[in-house]
Amino acid sequence: MVIIFSVWKTMIGSAVVSLPWAFQQAGLFLGCVISFTSFVASYYTCYLIIHCARKDSDFSDTIRRYYGKFLSLLNLLSVCRH
């Protein structure tokens, strides 16, 4: 549980610090367009993951089904690394 909050705090902290600077550099309109485009891409990616993993009990099962055993192990190693 501590690891989840640590990672969450790291992601939120960097976003809170960098977003005002990014909006200042891009301008208000372009910053909103880029933020909305990022939202749409994130939403669509989450939709695809949920759609592909409906029958699987775990995301690693979905990776194994679509990409095979080797990339499933590679995915496991990348998760364990963090």
Protein backbone atom coordinates (compact mmCIF):
# COMPACT_ATOMS: atom_id res chain seq x y z
CA MET A 1 0.00 0.00 0.00
CA VAL A 2 2.87 2.36 0.77
CA ILE A 3 4.38 1.77 -2.67
CA ILE A 4 1.11 2.67 -4.41
CA PHE A 5 0.87 5.97 -2.55
CA SER A 6 4.54 6.71 -3.18
CA VAL A 7 4.18 6.21 -6.93
CA TRP A 8 0.93 8.18 -6.94
CA LYS A 9 2.55 11.05 -5.05
CA THR A 10 5.46 11.06 -7.49
CA MET A 11 3.19 11.22 -10.54
CA ILE A 12 0.89 13.86 -9.08
CA GLY A 13 3.79 15.93 -7.78
CA SER A 14 5.53 16.18 -11.13
CA ALA A 15 2.26 16.98 -12.91
CA VAL A 16 1.37 19.73 -10.45
CA VAL A 17 4.78 21.32 -10.90
CA SER A 18 5.01 21.00 -14.69
CA LEU A 19 1.45 21.82 -15.83
CA PRO A 20 1.51 25.56 -15.04
CA TRP A 21 4.83 25.91 -16.85
CA ALA A 22 3.51 23.96 -19.85
CA PHE A 23 0.39 26.13 -20.04
CA GLN A 24 2.54 29.26 -19.81
CA GLN A 25 4.72 28.07 -22.69
CA ALA A 26 1.85 26.86 -24.90
CA GLY A 27 -0.79 29.44 -24.10
CA LEU A 28 -4.23 28.88 -22.66
CA PHE A 29 -6.01 27.70 -25.81
CA LEU A 30 -3.27 25.36 -27.05
CA GLY A 31 -2.71 24.08 -23.51
CA CYS A 32 -6.39 23.16 -23.23
CA VAL A 33 -6.33 21.48 -26.65
CA ILE A 34 -3.25 19.45 -25.71
CA SER A 35 -4.77 18.49 -22.34
CA PHE A 36 -8.02 17.40 -24.00
CA THR A 37 -6.12 15.41 -26.64
CA SER A 38 -4.15 13.69 -23.87
CA PHE A 39 -7.43 12.91 -22.07
CA VAL A 40 -8.94 11.37 -25.22
CA ALA A 41 -5.85 9.22 -25.82
CA SER A 42 -5.81 8.05 -22.19
CA TYR A 43 -9.53 7.31 -22.20
CA TYR A 44 -9.30 5.33 -25.45
CA THR A 45 -6.32 3.34 -24.14
CA CYS A 46 -8.21 2.46 -20.94
CA TYR A 47 -11.25 1.48 -23.03
CA LEU A 48 -9.12 -0.85 -25.18
CA ILE A 49 -7.53 -2.48 -22.14
CA ILE A 50 -10.91 -3.07 -20.51
CA HIS A 51 -12.45 -4.32 -23.75
CA CYS A 52 -9.60 -6.76 -24.41
CA ALA A 53 -9.44 -8.04 -20.82
CA ARG A 54 -13.13 -8.77 -20.21
CA LYS A 55 -12.70 -12.52 -19.84
CA ASP A 56 -9.30 -12.47 -18.14
CA SER A 57 -8.96 -12.32 -14.40
CA ASP A 58 -5.71 -10.34 -14.50
CA PHE A 59 -3.96 -7.97 -16.93
CA SER A 60 -1.00 -10.34 -17.14
CA ASP A 61 -3.36 -12.98 -18.56
CA THR A 62 -4.38 -10.53 -21.26
CA ILE A 63 -0.75 -9.80 -22.11
CA ARG A 64 -0.01 -13.52 -22.30
CA ARG A 65 -3.01 -14.16 -24.56
CA TYR A 66 -2.22 -11.38 -27.04
CA TYR A 67 1.58 -11.25 -26.98
CA GLY A 68 2.76 -14.69 -25.92
CA LYS A 69 4.85 -16.03 -23.10
CA PHE A 70 8.08 -14.11 -23.80
CA LEU A 71 6.52 -10.64 -23.76
CA SER A 72 4.41 -11.66 -20.78
CA LEU A 73 7.60 -12.36 -18.84
CA LEU A 74 9.08 -9.10 -20.11
CA ASN A 75 5.99 -7.28 -18.83
CA LEU A 76 6.36 -9.00 -15.46
CA LEU A 77 9.99 -7.90 -15.24
CA SER A 78 9.09 -4.31 -16.07
CA VAL A 79 6.43 -4.27 -13.35
CA CYS A 80 8.80 -5.80 -10.80
CA ARG A 81 11.48 -3.24 -11.67
CA HIS A 82 9.29 -0.38 -10.43
